[in-house]
Amino acid sequence: MKPGLAILLCAVFLSSCAPALYYQPAKTQPDVSKVVYARGVPALRTTVQGCEVVAELSSKGEKDMSLNLYIRNNSDSAFTFEPGQVEVHGYNMMGQKKPYRVFTAEEYIHWKNTRDAIIAGVAIVATVATVAIIANNTKGSDSKAGNANYYASENGAEVFVDVLNLAYDITWWMAWTIPDSVDEMPPPPESSPDFLLREHTLYPGDAVQGIVKLRADAGYKNKILVEVPVNGVYTRFVFDRSKHVH
């Protein structure tokens, strides 16, 4: 295998194995909010314009971030939530801020498919190169055995790509809903099969849950401001520290 190819494949592998992190809510919040926990991970919960909003921020590696949102419309009017209007800014140690990239579901799927195709291509090229070297250096080896190794490695590349898929707990919302319910627990929120949030109209009593994917700047993660559009206004959350998920 060529040294450059090996280095690239190693870098991709290490990136995929980066530990999952969750971000601690800052002690001082711009809006009145409460820290709640699910699976031992903190999130921020607030009520704005008659709507309940919960936000949890996590990442894998330095740039790949997930904003987990739950929104329930307890008001008497309908509104449309648009994930593309979410705004996220990161601050560096000097207090300077920079916007993060906020993906719509369609943008993220396109970006991820492109990225996965590159990763799979690198893995397969590396596998072919390795098999060719083994075949050239091993006399009298069975060609079918070589093909078996190739296909096993190729399948391994597919599994490796699958590791990058979203992992999501659909019962996340129940962690704080059950303790607060008095007479009857509200119905579960709407969610997409891939758990990515999309434009969604919430009528009174409706709820939605899912992930907005972000692309962060590693140098601007000392503090993170998240602004979520809800029923005509923005509600704001601040996260300031990350911690390994065990």
C-alpha atoms as a PDB file:
ATOM      1  CA  MET A   1       0.000   0.000   0.000  1.00  0.00           C
ATOM      2  CA  LYS A   2       1.274   3.452  -0.855  1.00  0.00           C
ATOM      3  CA  PRO A   3       2.247   5.475   2.242  1.00  0.00           C
ATOM      4  CA  GLY A   4      -0.029   8.381   1.305  1.00  0.00           C
ATOM      5  CA  LEU A   5      -3.020   6.075   0.877  1.00  0.00           C
ATOM      6  CA  ALA A   6      -2.313   4.370   4.195  1.00  0.00           C
ATOM      7  CA  ILE A   7      -2.126   7.724   5.996  1.00  0.00           C
ATOM      8  CA  LEU A   8      -5.420   8.887   4.465  1.00  0.00           C
ATOM      9  CA  LEU A   9      -7.209   5.654   5.371  1.00  0.00           C
ATOM     10  CA  CYS A  10      -5.816   5.816   8.905  1.00  0.00           C
ATOM     11  CA  ALA A  11      -6.997   9.407   9.299  1.00  0.00           C
ATOM     12  CA  VAL A  12     -10.517   8.498   8.153  1.00  0.00           C
ATOM     13  CA  PHE A  13     -10.596   5.515  10.528  1.00  0.00           C
ATOM     14  CA  LEU A  14      -9.440   7.562  13.520  1.00  0.00           C
ATOM     15  CA  SER A  15     -12.042  10.217  12.754  1.00  0.00           C
ATOM     16  CA  SER A  16     -14.822   7.608  12.752  1.00  0.00           C
ATOM     17  CA  CYS A  17     -13.594   6.255  16.100  1.00  0.00           C
ATOM     18  CA  ALA A  18     -13.595   9.662  17.785  1.00  0.00           C
ATOM     19  CA  PRO A  19     -15.321   9.553  21.189  1.00  0.00           C
ATOM     20  CA  ALA A  20     -18.846  10.882  21.480  1.00  0.00           C
ATOM     21  CA  LEU A  21     -19.074  14.099  23.476  1.00  0.00           C
ATOM     22  CA  TYR A  22     -21.971  15.939  25.014  1.00  0.00           C
ATOM     23  CA  TYR A  23     -21.915  19.602  25.932  1.00  0.00           C
ATOM     24  CA  GLN A  24     -22.661  20.950  29.376  1.00  0.00           C
ATOM     25  CA  PRO A  25     -25.211  23.768  29.659  1.00  0.00           C
ATOM     26  CA  ALA A  26     -23.647  27.051  30.719  1.00  0.00           C
ATOM     27  CA  LYS A  27     -24.516  28.222  34.227  1.00  0.00           C
ATOM     28  CA  THR A  28     -25.836  31.529  32.868  1.00  0.00           C
ATOM     29  CA  GLN A  29     -28.534  31.309  30.195  1.00  0.00           C
ATOM     30  CA  PRO A  30     -29.948  34.153  28.063  1.00  0.00           C
ATOM     31  CA  ASP A  31     -33.481  32.782  28.528  1.00  0.00           C
ATOM     32  CA  VAL A  32     -35.091  31.117  31.534  1.00  0.00           C
ATOM     33  CA  SER A  33     -34.385  27.394  31.223  1.00  0.00           C
ATOM     34  CA  LYS A  34     -33.889  24.264  33.291  1.00  0.00           C
ATOM     35  CA  VAL A  35     -31.276  21.518  33.002  1.00  0.00           C
ATOM     36  CA  VAL A  36     -32.833  18.084  32.481  1.00  0.00           C
ATOM     37  CA  TYR A  37     -31.142  14.710  32.019  1.00  0.00           C
ATOM     38  CA  ALA A  38     -31.692  11.701  29.778  1.00  0.00           C
ATOM     39  CA  ARG A  39     -29.301   8.727  29.802  1.00  0.00           C
ATOM     40  CA  GLY A  40     -27.116  10.818  32.109  1.00  0.00           C
ATOM     41  CA  VAL A  41     -26.698  13.459  29.409  1.00  0.00           C
ATOM     42  CA  PRO A  42     -27.769  17.056  30.158  1.00  0.00           C
ATOM     43  CA  ALA A  43     -30.128  19.096  28.028  1.00  0.00           C
ATOM     44  CA  LEU A  44     -31.800  22.486  28.392  1.00  0.00           C
ATOM     45  CA  ARG A  45     -35.566  22.847  28.633  1.00  0.00           C
ATOM     46  CA  THR A  46     -37.589  26.035  28.341  1.00  0.00           C
ATOM     47  CA  THR A  47     -41.062  27.329  27.527  1.00  0.00           C
ATOM     48  CA  VAL A  48     -41.533  30.081  24.956  1.00  0.00           C
ATOM     49  CA  GLN A  49     -44.686  31.364  23.222  1.00  0.00           C
ATOM     50  CA  GLY A  50     -46.644  28.555  24.866  1.00  0.00           C
ATOM     51  CA  CYS A  51     -44.282  25.903  23.480  1.00  0.00           C
ATOM     52  CA  GLU A  52     -41.978  23.488  25.273  1.00  0.00           C
ATOM     53  CA  VAL A  53     -38.481  23.258  23.802  1.00  0.00           C
ATOM     54  CA  VAL A  54     -35.642  20.927  24.824  1.00  0.00           C
ATOM     55  CA  ALA A  55     -32.152  21.050  23.309  1.00  0.00           C
ATOM     56  CA  GLU A  56     -29.227  18.642  23.695  1.00  0.00           C
ATOM     57  CA  LEU A  57     -25.890  19.201  21.978  1.00  0.00           C
ATOM     58  CA  SER A  58     -23.388  16.452  21.179  1.00  0.00           C
ATOM     59  CA  SER A  59     -20.528  15.826  18.794  1.00  0.00           C
ATOM     60  CA  LYS A  60     -18.299  13.132  17.393  1.00  0.00           C
ATOM     61  CA  GLY A  61     -14.870  14.468  16.668  1.00  0.00           C
ATOM     62  CA  GLU A  62     -14.056  18.144  16.371  1.00  0.00           C
ATOM     63  CA  LYS A  63     -16.573  19.213  13.728  1.00  0.00           C
ATOM     64  CA  ASP A  64     -19.459  16.741  13.415  1.00  0.00           C
ATOM     65  CA  MET A  65     -22.172  17.986  15.776  1.00  0.00           C
ATOM     66  CA  SER A  66     -25.774  17.009  16.478  1.00  0.00           C
ATOM     67  CA  LEU A  67     -28.426  19.300  17.928  1.00  0.00           C
ATOM     68  CA  ASN A  68     -31.140  17.080  19.370  1.00  0.00           C
ATOM     69  CA  LEU A  69     -34.419  19.019  19.597  1.00  0.00           C
ATOM     70  CA  TYR A  70     -37.852  18.363  21.055  1.00  0.00           C
ATOM     71  CA  ILE A  71     -40.631  20.884  20.483  1.00  0.00           C
ATOM     72  CA  ARG A  72     -44.223  20.595  21.728  1.00  0.00           C
ATOM     73  CA  ASN A  73     -46.834  23.154  20.762  1.00  0.00           C
ATOM     74  CA  ASN A  74     -48.911  23.879  23.857  1.00  0.00           C
ATOM     75  CA  SER A  75     -50.230  27.140  22.440  1.00  0.00           C
ATOM     76  CA  ASP A  76     -53.618  27.684  20.789  1.00  0.00           C
ATOM     77  CA  SER A  77     -52.201  28.433  17.313  1.00  0.00           C
ATOM     78  CA  ALA A  78     -50.316  26.475  14.668  1.00  0.00           C
ATOM     79  CA  PHE A  79     -46.836  27.330  13.437  1.00  0.00           C
ATOM     80  CA  THR A  80     -44.244  25.796  11.112  1.00  0.00           C
ATOM     81  CA  PHE A  81     -40.844  24.846  12.453  1.00  0.00           C
ATOM     82  CA  GLU A  82     -38.039  25.211   9.901  1.00  0.00           C
ATOM     83  CA  PRO A  83     -34.735  23.539  10.920  1.00  0.00           C
ATOM     84  CA  GLY A  84     -32.836  25.546   8.294  1.00  0.00           C
ATOM     85  CA  GLN A  85     -33.565  28.693  10.327  1.00  0.00           C
ATOM     86  CA  VAL A  86     -31.738  27.368  13.402  1.00  0.00           C
ATOM     87  CA  GLU A  87     -28.675  29.497  14.117  1.00  0.00           C
ATOM     88  CA  VAL A  88     -25.567  28.311  15.967  1.00  0.00           C
ATOM     89  CA  HIS A  89     -22.475  30.368  16.809  1.00  0.00           C
ATOM     90  CA  GLY A  90     -19.277  29.226  18.461  1.00  0.00           C
ATOM     91  CA  TYR A  91     -17.001  31.450  20.549  1.00  0.00           C
ATOM     92  CA  ASN A  92     -13.234  31.143  20.947  1.00  0.00           C
ATOM     93  CA  MET A  93     -11.170  31.869  24.054  1.00  0.00           C
ATOM     94  CA  MET A  94     -11.040  35.572  23.095  1.00  0.00           C
ATOM     95  CA  GLY A  95     -14.821  35.842  22.961  1.00  0.00           C
ATOM     96  CA  GLN A  96     -14.917  36.155  19.174  1.00  0.00           C
ATOM     97  CA  LYS A  97     -17.805  34.322  17.530  1.00  0.00           C
ATOM     98  CA  LYS A  98     -18.201  32.419  14.289  1.00  0.00           C
ATOM     99  CA  PRO A  99     -21.308  30.824  12.737  1.00  0.00           C
ATOM    100  CA  TYR A 100     -21.454  27.055  12.404  1.00  0.00           C
ATOM    101  CA  ARG A 101     -22.861  25.460   9.300  1.00  0.00           C
ATOM    102  CA  VAL A 102     -26.450  24.342   9.900  1.00  0.00           C
ATOM    103  CA  PHE A 103     -27.632  21.585   7.552  1.00  0.00           C
ATOM    104  CA  THR A 104     -31.166  20.989   6.410  1.00  0.00           C
ATOM    105  CA  ALA A 105     -31.962  17.271   6.261  1.00  0.00           C
ATOM    106  CA  GLU A 106     -31.546  17.241   2.480  1.00  0.00           C
ATOM    107  CA  GLU A 107     -28.235  19.104   2.625  1.00  0.00           C
ATOM    108  CA  TYR A 108     -26.850  16.750   5.250  1.00  0.00           C
ATOM    109  CA  ILE A 109     -27.906  13.608   3.367  1.00  0.00           C
ATOM    110  CA  HIS A 110     -26.195  14.913   0.216  1.00  0.00           C
ATOM    111  CA  TRP A 111     -23.068  15.895   2.171  1.00  0.00           C
ATOM    112  CA  LYS A 112     -22.925  12.562   3.999  1.00  0.00           C
ATOM    113  CA  ASN A 113     -23.485  10.465   0.875  1.00  0.00           C
ATOM    114  CA  THR A 114     -20.645  12.286  -0.849  1.00  0.00           C
ATOM    115  CA  ARG A 115     -18.393  11.796   2.178  1.00  0.00           C
ATOM    116  CA  ASP A 116     -19.301   8.113   2.515  1.00  0.00           C
ATOM    117  CA  ALA A 117     -18.594   7.514  -1.168  1.00  0.00           C
ATOM    118  CA  ILE A 118     -15.124   8.995  -0.749  1.00  0.00           C
ATOM    119  CA  ILE A 119     -14.465   6.890   2.369  1.00  0.00           C
ATOM    120  CA  ALA A 120     -15.707   3.708   0.682  1.00  0.00           C
ATOM    121  CA  GLY A 121     -13.604   4.464  -2.389  1.00  0.00           C
ATOM    122  CA  VAL A 122     -10.465   4.959  -0.304  1.00  0.00           C
ATOM    123  CA  ALA A 123     -11.120   1.750   1.631  1.00  0.00           C
ATOM    124  CA  ILE A 124     -11.702  -0.339  -1.501  1.00  0.00           C
ATOM    125  CA  VAL A 125      -8.644   1.072  -3.285  1.00  0.00           C
ATOM    126  CA  ALA A 126      -6.561   0.315  -0.206  1.00  0.00           C
ATOM    127  CA  THR A 127      -7.982  -3.220  -0.082  1.00  0.00           C
ATOM    128  CA  VAL A 128      -7.234  -3.859  -3.763  1.00  0.00           C
ATOM    129  CA  ALA A 129      -3.680  -2.608  -3.267  1.00  0.00           C
ATOM    130  CA  THR A 130      -3.195  -4.859  -0.244  1.00  0.00           C
ATOM    131  CA  VAL A 131      -4.598  -7.920  -2.001  1.00  0.00           C
ATOM    132  CA  ALA A 132      -2.374  -7.246  -5.019  1.00  0.00           C
ATOM    133  CA  ILE A 133       0.702  -7.098  -2.800  1.00  0.00           C
ATOM    134  CA  ILE A 134      -0.238 -10.339  -1.022  1.00  0.00           C
ATOM    135  CA  ALA A 135      -0.946 -12.059  -4.354  1.00  0.00           C
ATOM    136  CA  ASN A 136       2.399 -10.993  -5.772  1.00  0.00           C
ATOM    137  CA  ASN A 137       4.320 -12.086  -2.693  1.00  0.00           C
ATOM    138  CA  THR A 138       2.563 -15.410  -2.090  1.00  0.00           C
ATOM    139  CA  LYS A 139       3.441 -18.207  -4.537  1.00  0.00           C
ATOM    140  CA  GLY A 140       0.970 -20.953  -5.232  1.00  0.00           C
ATOM    141  CA  SER A 141      -1.879 -19.264  -3.396  1.00  0.00           C
ATOM    142  CA  ASP A 142      -5.423 -20.042  -4.486  1.00  0.00           C
ATOM    143  CA  SER A 143      -6.975 -17.134  -6.453  1.00  0.00           C
ATOM    144  CA  LYS A 144     -10.396 -17.837  -4.931  1.00  0.00           C
ATOM    145  CA  ALA A 145      -8.976 -17.357  -1.446  1.00  0.00           C
ATOM    146  CA  GLY A 146      -7.634 -14.004  -2.589  1.00  0.00           C
ATOM    147  CA  ASN A 147     -11.066 -13.016  -3.836  1.00  0.00           C
ATOM    148  CA  ALA A 148     -12.617 -14.089  -0.554  1.00  0.00           C
ATOM    149  CA  ASN A 149     -10.241 -11.811   1.345  1.00  0.00           C
ATOM    150  CA  TYR A 150     -11.080  -8.973  -1.011  1.00  0.00           C
ATOM    151  CA  TYR A 151     -14.822  -9.324  -0.621  1.00  0.00           C
ATOM    152  CA  ALA A 152     -14.515  -9.672   3.155  1.00  0.00           C
ATOM    153  CA  SER A 153     -12.490  -6.489   3.250  1.00  0.00           C
ATOM    154  CA  GLU A 154     -14.913  -4.751   0.920  1.00  0.00           C
ATOM    155  CA  ASN A 155     -17.815  -5.744   3.154  1.00  0.00           C
ATOM    156  CA  GLY A 156     -15.785  -4.520   6.088  1.00  0.00           C
ATOM    157  CA  ALA A 157     -15.550  -1.154   4.357  1.00  0.00           C
ATOM    158  CA  GLU A 158     -19.332  -1.078   4.056  1.00  0.00           C
ATOM    159  CA  VAL A 159     -19.709  -1.862   7.761  1.00  0.00           C
ATOM    160  CA  PHE A 160     -17.119   0.812   8.515  1.00  0.00           C
ATOM    161  CA  VAL A 161     -19.207   3.346   6.598  1.00  0.00           C
ATOM    162  CA  ASP A 162     -22.349   2.214   8.432  1.00  0.00           C
ATOM    163  CA  VAL A 163     -20.707   3.158  11.734  1.00  0.00           C
ATOM    164  CA  LEU A 164     -21.039   6.786  10.645  1.00  0.00           C
ATOM    165  CA  ASN A 165     -24.830   6.543  10.562  1.00  0.00           C
ATOM    166  CA  LEU A 166     -26.876   8.343  13.205  1.00  0.00           C
ATOM    167  CA  ALA A 167     -27.504   6.600  16.507  1.00  0.00           C
ATOM    168  CA  TYR A 168     -30.681   7.870  18.140  1.00  0.00           C
ATOM    169  CA  ASP A 169     -32.882   7.144  21.126  1.00  0.00           C
ATOM    170  CA  ILE A 170     -36.488   7.788  20.135  1.00  0.00           C
ATOM    171  CA  THR A 171     -37.612   7.604  23.792  1.00  0.00           C
ATOM    172  CA  TRP A 172     -35.376  10.575  24.714  1.00  0.00           C
ATOM    173  CA  TRP A 173     -38.398  12.845  25.305  1.00  0.00           C
ATOM    174  CA  MET A 174     -39.863  10.519  27.955  1.00  0.00           C
ATOM    175  CA  ALA A 175     -37.061  11.240  30.441  1.00  0.00           C
ATOM    176  CA  TRP A 176     -38.628  14.569  31.442  1.00  0.00           C
ATOM    177  CA  THR A 177     -42.229  14.093  30.230  1.00  0.00           C
ATOM    178  CA  ILE A 178     -43.103  11.213  32.555  1.00  0.00           C
ATOM    179  CA  PRO A 179     -42.063  12.921  35.828  1.00  0.00           C
ATOM    180  CA  ASP A 180     -44.009  16.051  34.828  1.00  0.00           C
ATOM    181  CA  SER A 181     -47.183  14.386  33.650  1.00  0.00           C
ATOM    182  CA  VAL A 182     -50.026  14.466  36.159  1.00  0.00           C
ATOM    183  CA  ASP A 183     -53.046  12.752  34.676  1.00  0.00           C
ATOM    184  CA  GLU A 184     -51.982  11.425  31.312  1.00  0.00           C
ATOM    185  CA  MET A 185     -48.713  11.319  29.410  1.00  0.00           C
ATOM    186  CA  PRO A 186     -48.882  13.261  26.115  1.00  0.00           C
ATOM    187  CA  PRO A 187     -48.617  11.363  22.835  1.00  0.00           C
ATOM    188  CA  PRO A 188     -45.107  10.783  21.440  1.00  0.00           C
ATOM    189  CA  PRO A 189     -43.613  13.385  19.110  1.00  0.00           C
ATOM    190  CA  GLU A 190     -43.447  13.050  15.348  1.00  0.00           C
ATOM    191  CA  SER A 191     -40.078  11.989  13.960  1.00  0.00           C
ATOM    192  CA  SER A 192     -38.540  11.062  10.612  1.00  0.00           C
ATOM    193  CA  PRO A 193     -37.326   7.520   9.844  1.00  0.00           C
ATOM    194  CA  ASP A 194     -33.754   8.859   9.636  1.00  0.00           C
ATOM    195  CA  PHE A 195     -34.337  11.081  12.728  1.00  0.00           C
ATOM    196  CA  LEU A 196     -33.296  14.238  10.875  1.00  0.00           C
ATOM    197  CA  LEU A 197     -35.580  17.197  11.545  1.00  0.00           C
ATOM    198  CA  ARG A 198     -37.440  18.592   8.571  1.00  0.00           C
ATOM    199  CA  GLU A 199     -39.884  21.435   8.067  1.00  0.00           C
ATOM    200  CA  HIS A 200     -42.930  20.526  10.135  1.00  0.00           C
ATOM    201  CA  THR A 201     -46.209  22.278  10.966  1.00  0.00           C
ATOM    202  CA  LEU A 202     -47.153  21.862  14.605  1.00  0.00           C
ATOM    203  CA  TYR A 203     -50.825  22.259  15.463  1.00  0.00           C
ATOM    204  CA  PRO A 204     -51.914  22.756  19.084  1.00  0.00           C
ATOM    205  CA  GLY A 205     -50.906  19.646  21.035  1.00  0.00           C
ATOM    206  CA  ASP A 206     -48.458  18.407  18.379  1.00  0.00           C
ATOM    207  CA  ALA A 207     -44.796  17.676  19.047  1.00  0.00           C
ATOM    208  CA  VAL A 208     -41.747  16.942  16.908  1.00  0.00           C
ATOM    209  CA  GLN A 209     -38.354  15.493  17.744  1.00  0.00           C
ATOM    210  CA  GLY A 210     -35.132  14.930  15.837  1.00  0.00           C
ATOM    211  CA  ILE A 211     -31.635  16.041  14.978  1.00  0.00           C
ATOM    212  CA  VAL A 212     -30.283  19.113  13.230  1.00  0.00           C
ATOM    213  CA  LYS A 213     -26.757  18.394  12.007  1.00  0.00           C
ATOM    214  CA  LEU A 214     -24.058  21.031  12.412  1.00  0.00           C
ATOM    215  CA  ARG A 215     -20.534  21.525  11.158  1.00  0.00           C
ATOM    216  CA  ALA A 216     -18.479  23.252  13.833  1.00  0.00           C
ATOM    217  CA  ASP A 217     -15.211  25.160  13.789  1.00  0.00           C
ATOM    218  CA  ALA A 218     -12.792  23.446  16.191  1.00  0.00           C
ATOM    219  CA  GLY A 219     -11.306  26.786  17.234  1.00  0.00           C
ATOM    220  CA  TYR A 220     -14.688  28.199  18.242  1.00  0.00           C
ATOM    221  CA  LYS A 221     -16.061  25.767  20.811  1.00  0.00           C
ATOM    222  CA  ASN A 222     -15.263  27.511  24.077  1.00  0.00           C
ATOM    223  CA  LYS A 223     -18.924  28.537  24.232  1.00  0.00           C
ATOM    224  CA  ILE A 224     -21.749  27.631  21.855  1.00  0.00           C
ATOM    225  CA  LEU A 225     -24.923  29.681  21.367  1.00  0.00           C
ATOM    226  CA  VAL A 226     -27.910  27.826  19.909  1.00  0.00           C
ATOM    227  CA  GLU A 227     -30.934  29.799  18.672  1.00  0.00           C
ATOM    228  CA  VAL A 228     -34.093  27.884  17.795  1.00  0.00           C
ATOM    229  CA  PRO A 229     -37.054  29.496  15.963  1.00  0.00           C
ATOM    230  CA  VAL A 230     -40.301  28.672  17.757  1.00  0.00           C
ATOM    231  CA  ASN A 231     -43.723  30.191  17.058  1.00  0.00           C
ATOM    232  CA  GLY A 232     -42.378  33.476  15.705  1.00  0.00           C
ATOM    233  CA  VAL A 233     -39.478  34.040  18.132  1.00  0.00           C
ATOM    234  CA  TYR A 234     -36.029  32.619  18.794  1.00  0.00           C
ATOM    235  CA  THR A 235     -35.314  30.814  22.047  1.00  0.00           C
ATOM    236  CA  ARG A 236     -31.642  30.678  23.036  1.00  0.00           C
ATOM    237  CA  PHE A 237     -29.472  28.076  24.758  1.00  0.00           C
ATOM    238  CA  VAL A 238     -25.793  28.278  25.697  1.00  0.00           C
ATOM    239  CA  PHE A 239     -23.437  25.313  26.088  1.00  0.00           C
ATOM    240  CA  ASP A 240     -19.877  25.756  27.263  1.00  0.00           C
ATOM    241  CA  ARG A 241     -18.119  22.512  28.110  1.00  0.00           C
ATOM    242  CA  SER A 242     -17.917  19.017  26.621  1.00  0.00           C
ATOM    243  CA  LYS A 243     -17.512  15.683  28.323  1.00  0.00           C
ATOM    244  CA  HIS A 244     -17.045  12.087  27.185  1.00  0.00           C
ATOM    245  CA  VAL A 245     -20.160   9.942  27.057  1.00  0.00           C
ATOM    246  CA  HIS A 246     -19.476   6.722  28.960  1.00  0.00           C
END
